[in-house]
Amino acid sequence: MHSLREPFRIIRADFRAYLVMNAIMFGLFLIGVAAAFAFPDLNAAQTASMDEDGTTDLVVELLGNVWLFSLTIFAVNVLTVAVPVILLPSMAVPFAGIILFSYKAFTFGVTLAPVDATAAKLLIPHSLTILIEFQAYILVMLAVYLLGRAWLRPATVGADTRRQAYVRGLKQVGWLSLPALALFVIGAIYEAFELIYLVPPLVLG
């Protein structure tokens, strides 16, 4: 039960920071959406990039196996974004991951913008995926914010030295990683089911 209560205690204790992370995430996403409408070439470039780097082909190949698709989505979200972009840079430079991830949040908006009727239809079931996975990213952002704050201001975690504060900050990262990972799992499973079972009828219909 402690493993369930502690992450929520941390969020409640730093609820203002949690709201700021939400504002950054969704704000940049919406700015990306607006940019895609203002400059249609941005959305087209993102789509072309996904075609060129093999992302589109990979998605098509995985549509026949919902669980393998879910695992791939989870791996992409955690191992190519959350850990290398948000977490690891922030362990070396305070708050670095939040800054780096800001561009990623913007590109999410550019890519997912409902620039035409088909994209608008796809966004209906995909909105839940966005909410779930964004909350996972927000928890990771909050975790690295608390790590950076502890590192720079040891007194915020009741530490006497920066080294001690860093260790305590890492513990907070660990606690917040638990619900973040759970959300990444839920989001990956839903996204796979959504793309396999919910999207085709919308597109074909």
C-alpha atoms as a PDB file:
ATOM      1  CA  MET A   1       0.000   0.000   0.000  1.00  0.00           C
ATOM      2  CA  HIS A   2       2.914   2.339   0.697  1.00  0.00           C
ATOM      3  CA  SER A   3       3.993   2.000  -2.934  1.00  0.00           C
ATOM      4  CA  LEU A   4       0.551   3.269  -3.939  1.00  0.00           C
ATOM      5  CA  ARG A   5       0.305   6.099  -1.425  1.00  0.00           C
ATOM      6  CA  GLU A   6       3.788   7.596  -1.706  1.00  0.00           C
ATOM      7  CA  PRO A   7       3.577   8.780  -5.351  1.00  0.00           C
ATOM      8  CA  PHE A   8       0.272  10.509  -4.645  1.00  0.00           C
ATOM      9  CA  ARG A   9       1.709  12.084  -1.514  1.00  0.00           C
ATOM     10  CA  ILE A  10       4.539  13.522  -3.589  1.00  0.00           C
ATOM     11  CA  ILE A  11       2.108  14.855  -6.196  1.00  0.00           C
ATOM     12  CA  ARG A  12      -0.099  16.459  -3.515  1.00  0.00           C
ATOM     13  CA  ALA A  13       2.918  18.014  -1.828  1.00  0.00           C
ATOM     14  CA  ASP A  14       4.059  19.561  -5.109  1.00  0.00           C
ATOM     15  CA  PHE A  15       0.710  19.999  -6.790  1.00  0.00           C
ATOM     16  CA  ARG A  16       1.580  23.436  -8.131  1.00  0.00           C
ATOM     17  CA  ALA A  17       4.623  22.016  -9.921  1.00  0.00           C
ATOM     18  CA  TYR A  18       2.431  19.192 -11.248  1.00  0.00           C
ATOM     19  CA  LEU A  19       0.027  21.760 -12.708  1.00  0.00           C
ATOM     20  CA  VAL A  20       2.937  23.647 -14.269  1.00  0.00           C
ATOM     21  CA  MET A  21       4.152  20.444 -15.953  1.00  0.00           C
ATOM     22  CA  ASN A  22       0.624  19.923 -17.302  1.00  0.00           C
ATOM     23  CA  ALA A  23       0.583  23.489 -18.620  1.00  0.00           C
ATOM     24  CA  ILE A  24       3.948  22.983 -20.346  1.00  0.00           C
ATOM     25  CA  MET A  25       2.937  19.656 -21.893  1.00  0.00           C
ATOM     26  CA  PHE A  26      -0.505  20.581 -23.142  1.00  0.00           C
ATOM     27  CA  GLY A  27       0.449  24.173 -23.926  1.00  0.00           C
ATOM     28  CA  LEU A  28       3.269  23.151 -26.254  1.00  0.00           C
ATOM     29  CA  PHE A  29       1.091  20.443 -27.774  1.00  0.00           C
ATOM     30  CA  LEU A  30      -1.606  23.002 -28.601  1.00  0.00           C
ATOM     31  CA  ILE A  31       1.003  25.403 -29.962  1.00  0.00           C
ATOM     32  CA  GLY A  32       2.139  22.572 -32.234  1.00  0.00           C
ATOM     33  CA  VAL A  33      -1.449  22.009 -33.378  1.00  0.00           C
ATOM     34  CA  ALA A  34      -1.837  25.722 -34.116  1.00  0.00           C
ATOM     35  CA  ALA A  35       1.478  25.750 -36.005  1.00  0.00           C
ATOM     36  CA  ALA A  36       0.307  22.815 -38.151  1.00  0.00           C
ATOM     37  CA  PHE A  37      -2.798  24.758 -39.124  1.00  0.00           C
ATOM     38  CA  ALA A  38      -0.841  27.939 -39.788  1.00  0.00           C
ATOM     39  CA  PHE A  39       1.922  26.156 -41.698  1.00  0.00           C
ATOM     40  CA  PRO A  40       0.533  22.961 -43.340  1.00  0.00           C
ATOM     41  CA  ASP A  41       3.991  22.014 -44.599  1.00  0.00           C
ATOM     42  CA  LEU A  42       5.030  21.278 -41.007  1.00  0.00           C
ATOM     43  CA  ASN A  43       2.497  18.487 -40.670  1.00  0.00           C
ATOM     44  CA  ALA A  44       3.360  17.150 -44.117  1.00  0.00           C
ATOM     45  CA  ALA A  45       7.064  17.160 -43.225  1.00  0.00           C
ATOM     46  CA  GLN A  46       6.416  15.210 -40.019  1.00  0.00           C
ATOM     47  CA  THR A  47       4.380  12.624 -41.919  1.00  0.00           C
ATOM     48  CA  ALA A  48       7.063  12.322 -44.585  1.00  0.00           C
ATOM     49  CA  SER A  49       9.729  11.907 -41.915  1.00  0.00           C
ATOM     50  CA  MET A  50       7.784   9.017 -40.358  1.00  0.00           C
ATOM     51  CA  ASP A  51       7.524   7.397 -43.784  1.00  0.00           C
ATOM     52  CA  GLU A  52      11.238   7.830 -44.458  1.00  0.00           C
ATOM     53  CA  ASP A  53      12.502   6.529 -41.109  1.00  0.00           C
ATOM     54  CA  GLY A  54      10.343   3.408 -41.344  1.00  0.00           C
ATOM     55  CA  THR A  55       7.903   4.305 -38.558  1.00  0.00           C
ATOM     56  CA  THR A  56       4.862   4.013 -40.824  1.00  0.00           C
ATOM     57  CA  ASP A  57       5.979   0.654 -42.219  1.00  0.00           C
ATOM     58  CA  LEU A  58       6.627  -0.657 -38.704  1.00  0.00           C
ATOM     59  CA  VAL A  59       3.143   0.332 -37.581  1.00  0.00           C
ATOM     60  CA  VAL A  60       1.592  -1.427 -40.572  1.00  0.00           C
ATOM     61  CA  GLU A  61       3.584  -4.592 -39.886  1.00  0.00           C
ATOM     62  CA  LEU A  62       2.510  -4.675 -36.236  1.00  0.00           C
ATOM     63  CA  LEU A  63      -1.203  -4.190 -36.864  1.00  0.00           C
ATOM     64  CA  GLY A  64      -1.688  -7.957 -36.954  1.00  0.00           C
ATOM     65  CA  ASN A  65      -0.482  -8.548 -33.380  1.00  0.00           C
ATOM     66  CA  VAL A  66      -2.038  -6.305 -30.756  1.00  0.00           C
ATOM     67  CA  TRP A  67       0.227  -7.432 -27.898  1.00  0.00           C
ATOM     68  CA  LEU A  68       3.463  -7.076 -29.854  1.00  0.00           C
ATOM     69  CA  PHE A  69       2.195  -3.694 -31.025  1.00  0.00           C
ATOM     70  CA  SER A  70       1.491  -2.714 -27.403  1.00  0.00           C
ATOM     71  CA  LEU A  71       4.978  -3.794 -26.337  1.00  0.00           C
ATOM     72  CA  THR A  72       6.545  -1.801 -29.170  1.00  0.00           C
ATOM     73  CA  ILE A  73       4.578   1.333 -28.282  1.00  0.00           C
ATOM     74  CA  PHE A  74       5.593   0.959 -24.640  1.00  0.00           C
ATOM     75  CA  ALA A  75       9.249   0.503 -25.591  1.00  0.00           C
ATOM     76  CA  VAL A  76       9.202   3.542 -27.873  1.00  0.00           C
ATOM     77  CA  ASN A  77       7.570   5.775 -25.246  1.00  0.00           C
ATOM     78  CA  VAL A  78       9.839   4.678 -22.414  1.00  0.00           C
ATOM     79  CA  LEU A  79      13.151   3.740 -24.032  1.00  0.00           C
ATOM     80  CA  THR A  80      13.341   6.369 -26.780  1.00  0.00           C
ATOM     81  CA  VAL A  81      11.600   9.310 -25.116  1.00  0.00           C
ATOM     82  CA  ALA A  82      10.996   9.193 -21.342  1.00  0.00           C
ATOM     83  CA  VAL A  83      14.377   7.777 -20.323  1.00  0.00           C
ATOM     84  CA  PRO A  84      16.873   9.243 -22.850  1.00  0.00           C
ATOM     85  CA  VAL A  85      15.152  12.579 -23.457  1.00  0.00           C
ATOM     86  CA  ILE A  86      13.678  13.480 -20.055  1.00  0.00           C
ATOM     87  CA  LEU A  87      15.309  11.409 -17.319  1.00  0.00           C
ATOM     88  CA  LEU A  88      18.965  10.844 -18.193  1.00  0.00           C
ATOM     89  CA  PRO A  89      19.811  14.435 -19.235  1.00  0.00           C
ATOM     90  CA  SER A  90      18.230  15.719 -16.010  1.00  0.00           C
ATOM     91  CA  MET A  91      20.436  13.421 -13.960  1.00  0.00           C
ATOM     92  CA  ALA A  92      23.458  15.272 -15.357  1.00  0.00           C
ATOM     93  CA  VAL A  93      22.071  18.814 -15.721  1.00  0.00           C
ATOM     94  CA  PRO A  94      19.143  20.025 -13.584  1.00  0.00           C
ATOM     95  CA  PHE A  95      15.883  20.344 -15.571  1.00  0.00           C
ATOM     96  CA  ALA A  96      17.646  19.604 -18.889  1.00  0.00           C
ATOM     97  CA  GLY A  97      15.152  16.895 -19.790  1.00  0.00           C
ATOM     98  CA  ILE A  98      12.196  19.233 -19.436  1.00  0.00           C
ATOM     99  CA  ILE A  99      13.789  21.643 -21.883  1.00  0.00           C
ATOM    100  CA  LEU A 100      14.671  18.881 -24.358  1.00  0.00           C
ATOM    101  CA  PHE A 101      11.221  17.313 -24.128  1.00  0.00           C
ATOM    102  CA  SER A 102       9.525  20.656 -24.795  1.00  0.00           C
ATOM    103  CA  TYR A 103      10.363  20.355 -28.483  1.00  0.00           C
ATOM    104  CA  LYS A 104       9.013  16.803 -28.508  1.00  0.00           C
ATOM    105  CA  ALA A 105       5.710  18.001 -27.033  1.00  0.00           C
ATOM    106  CA  PHE A 106       5.518  20.619 -29.772  1.00  0.00           C
ATOM    107  CA  THR A 107       6.113  18.010 -32.492  1.00  0.00           C
ATOM    108  CA  PHE A 108       3.369  15.826 -31.015  1.00  0.00           C
ATOM    109  CA  GLY A 109       0.973  18.677 -31.714  1.00  0.00           C
ATOM    110  CA  VAL A 110       2.277  19.170 -35.231  1.00  0.00           C
ATOM    111  CA  THR A 111       1.965  15.456 -36.019  1.00  0.00           C
ATOM    112  CA  LEU A 112      -1.456  14.875 -34.460  1.00  0.00           C
ATOM    113  CA  ALA A 113      -3.111  18.101 -35.591  1.00  0.00           C
ATOM    114  CA  PRO A 114      -6.549  17.484 -37.187  1.00  0.00           C
ATOM    115  CA  VAL A 115      -5.555  19.188 -40.423  1.00  0.00           C
ATOM    116  CA  ASP A 116      -8.105  17.299 -42.519  1.00  0.00           C
ATOM    117  CA  ALA A 117     -11.293  15.261 -42.070  1.00  0.00           C
ATOM    118  CA  THR A 118      -9.453  11.953 -41.697  1.00  0.00           C
ATOM    119  CA  ALA A 119      -7.066  13.290 -39.078  1.00  0.00           C
ATOM    120  CA  ALA A 120      -9.989  14.820 -37.193  1.00  0.00           C
ATOM    121  CA  LYS A 121     -11.778  11.448 -37.094  1.00  0.00           C
ATOM    122  CA  LEU A 122      -8.640   9.679 -35.902  1.00  0.00           C
ATOM    123  CA  LEU A 123      -8.255  12.182 -33.087  1.00  0.00           C
ATOM    124  CA  ILE A 124     -11.584  11.102 -31.553  1.00  0.00           C
ATOM    125  CA  PRO A 125     -10.383   7.707 -30.252  1.00  0.00           C
ATOM    126  CA  HIS A 126      -6.773   8.887 -30.030  1.00  0.00           C
ATOM    127  CA  SER A 127      -7.649  11.657 -27.570  1.00  0.00           C
ATOM    128  CA  LEU A 128      -7.734   9.116 -24.746  1.00  0.00           C
ATOM    129  CA  THR A 129      -4.291   7.851 -25.742  1.00  0.00           C
ATOM    130  CA  ILE A 130      -3.026  11.425 -25.644  1.00  0.00           C
ATOM    131  CA  LEU A 131      -4.447  12.020 -22.164  1.00  0.00           C
ATOM    132  CA  ILE A 132      -3.016   8.792 -20.721  1.00  0.00           C
ATOM    133  CA  GLU A 133       0.438   8.987 -22.265  1.00  0.00           C
ATOM    134  CA  PHE A 134       0.800  12.717 -21.652  1.00  0.00           C
ATOM    135  CA  GLN A 135       0.093  12.162 -17.959  1.00  0.00           C
ATOM    136  CA  ALA A 136       2.853   9.554 -17.910  1.00  0.00           C
ATOM    137  CA  TYR A 137       5.276  12.029 -19.467  1.00  0.00           C
ATOM    138  CA  ILE A 138       4.112  14.731 -17.051  1.00  0.00           C
ATOM    139  CA  LEU A 139       4.921  12.508 -14.078  1.00  0.00           C
ATOM    140  CA  VAL A 140       8.428  11.948 -15.447  1.00  0.00           C
ATOM    141  CA  MET A 141       8.792  15.703 -15.966  1.00  0.00           C
ATOM    142  CA  LEU A 142       7.633  16.328 -12.394  1.00  0.00           C
ATOM    143  CA  ALA A 143      10.112  13.744 -11.144  1.00  0.00           C
ATOM    144  CA  VAL A 144      13.095  15.392 -12.833  1.00  0.00           C
ATOM    145  CA  TYR A 145      11.900  18.823 -11.697  1.00  0.00           C
ATOM    146  CA  LEU A 146      11.909  17.609  -8.085  1.00  0.00           C
ATOM    147  CA  LEU A 147      15.343  16.048  -8.620  1.00  0.00           C
ATOM    148  CA  GLY A 148      16.715  19.303 -10.002  1.00  0.00           C
ATOM    149  CA  ARG A 149      15.162  21.363  -7.224  1.00  0.00           C
ATOM    150  CA  ALA A 150      16.564  19.061  -4.548  1.00  0.00           C
ATOM    151  CA  TRP A 151      19.967  19.182  -6.208  1.00  0.00           C
ATOM    152  CA  LEU A 152      20.064  22.983  -6.329  1.00  0.00           C
ATOM    153  CA  ARG A 153      18.238  23.601  -3.043  1.00  0.00           C
ATOM    154  CA  PRO A 154      18.990  20.729  -0.620  1.00  0.00           C
ATOM    155  CA  ALA A 155      16.848  22.281   2.107  1.00  0.00           C
ATOM    156  CA  THR A 156      13.687  21.470   0.118  1.00  0.00           C
ATOM    157  CA  VAL A 157      14.222  17.783   0.888  1.00  0.00           C
ATOM    158  CA  GLY A 158      15.691  18.316   4.353  1.00  0.00           C
ATOM    159  CA  ALA A 159      19.230  17.513   3.257  1.00  0.00           C
ATOM    160  CA  ASP A 160      22.471  19.079   4.467  1.00  0.00           C
ATOM    161  CA  THR A 161      24.544  18.430   1.346  1.00  0.00           C
ATOM    162  CA  ARG A 162      23.893  18.389  -2.393  1.00  0.00           C
ATOM    163  CA  ARG A 163      24.953  14.757  -2.563  1.00  0.00           C
ATOM    164  CA  GLN A 164      22.421  13.770   0.066  1.00  0.00           C
ATOM    165  CA  ALA A 165      19.773  15.899  -1.638  1.00  0.00           C
ATOM    166  CA  TYR A 166      20.521  14.273  -5.003  1.00  0.00           C
ATOM    167  CA  VAL A 167      19.976  10.809  -3.528  1.00  0.00           C
ATOM    168  CA  ARG A 168      16.688  11.891  -1.979  1.00  0.00           C
ATOM    169  CA  GLY A 169      15.669  13.431  -5.283  1.00  0.00           C
ATOM    170  CA  LEU A 170      16.408  10.137  -7.007  1.00  0.00           C
ATOM    171  CA  LYS A 171      14.103   8.399  -4.529  1.00  0.00           C
ATOM    172  CA  GLN A 172      11.306  10.752  -5.558  1.00  0.00           C
ATOM    173  CA  VAL A 173      12.077   9.934  -9.188  1.00  0.00           C
ATOM    174  CA  GLY A 174      11.734   6.265  -8.337  1.00  0.00           C
ATOM    175  CA  TRP A 175       8.378   6.715  -6.617  1.00  0.00           C
ATOM    176  CA  LEU A 176       6.910   8.801  -9.446  1.00  0.00           C
ATOM    177  CA  SER A 177       8.226   6.336 -12.003  1.00  0.00           C
ATOM    178  CA  LEU A 178       5.824   3.694 -10.686  1.00  0.00           C
ATOM    179  CA  PRO A 179       2.562   5.412 -11.746  1.00  0.00           C
ATOM    180  CA  ALA A 180       4.287   6.729 -14.878  1.00  0.00           C
ATOM    181  CA  LEU A 181       5.177   3.194 -15.970  1.00  0.00           C
ATOM    182  CA  ALA A 182       1.651   2.010 -15.174  1.00  0.00           C
ATOM    183  CA  LEU A 183       0.223   4.763 -17.371  1.00  0.00           C
ATOM    184  CA  PHE A 184       2.680   3.938 -20.161  1.00  0.00           C
ATOM    185  CA  VAL A 185       1.484   0.318 -20.038  1.00  0.00           C
ATOM    186  CA  ILE A 186      -2.203   1.292 -20.069  1.00  0.00           C
ATOM    187  CA  GLY A 187      -1.635   3.847 -22.813  1.00  0.00           C
ATOM    188  CA  ALA A 188       0.300   1.385 -24.974  1.00  0.00           C
ATOM    189  CA  ILE A 189      -2.383  -1.293 -24.703  1.00  0.00           C
ATOM    190  CA  TYR A 190      -5.197   1.129 -25.441  1.00  0.00           C
ATOM    191  CA  GLU A 191      -3.316   2.720 -28.349  1.00  0.00           C
ATOM    192  CA  ALA A 192      -2.696  -0.675 -29.950  1.00  0.00           C
ATOM    193  CA  PHE A 193      -6.362  -1.698 -29.602  1.00  0.00           C
ATOM    194  CA  GLU A 194      -7.432   1.732 -30.833  1.00  0.00           C
ATOM    195  CA  LEU A 195      -5.297   1.650 -33.974  1.00  0.00           C
ATOM    196  CA  ILE A 196      -6.234  -1.944 -34.794  1.00  0.00           C
ATOM    197  CA  TYR A 197      -9.931  -2.023 -33.933  1.00  0.00           C
ATOM    198  CA  LEU A 198     -11.282   1.542 -33.637  1.00  0.00           C
ATOM    199  CA  VAL A 199      -9.443   3.476 -36.330  1.00  0.00           C
ATOM    200  CA  PRO A 200     -10.144   1.313 -39.422  1.00  0.00           C
ATOM    201  CA  PRO A 201     -13.946   1.661 -39.219  1.00  0.00           C
ATOM    202  CA  LEU A 202     -13.559   5.435 -38.939  1.00  0.00           C
ATOM    203  CA  VAL A 203     -11.248   5.626 -41.941  1.00  0.00           C
ATOM    204  CA  LEU A 204     -13.172   3.163 -44.110  1.00  0.00           C
ATOM    205  CA  GLY A 205     -16.505   4.607 -43.067  1.00  0.00           C
END
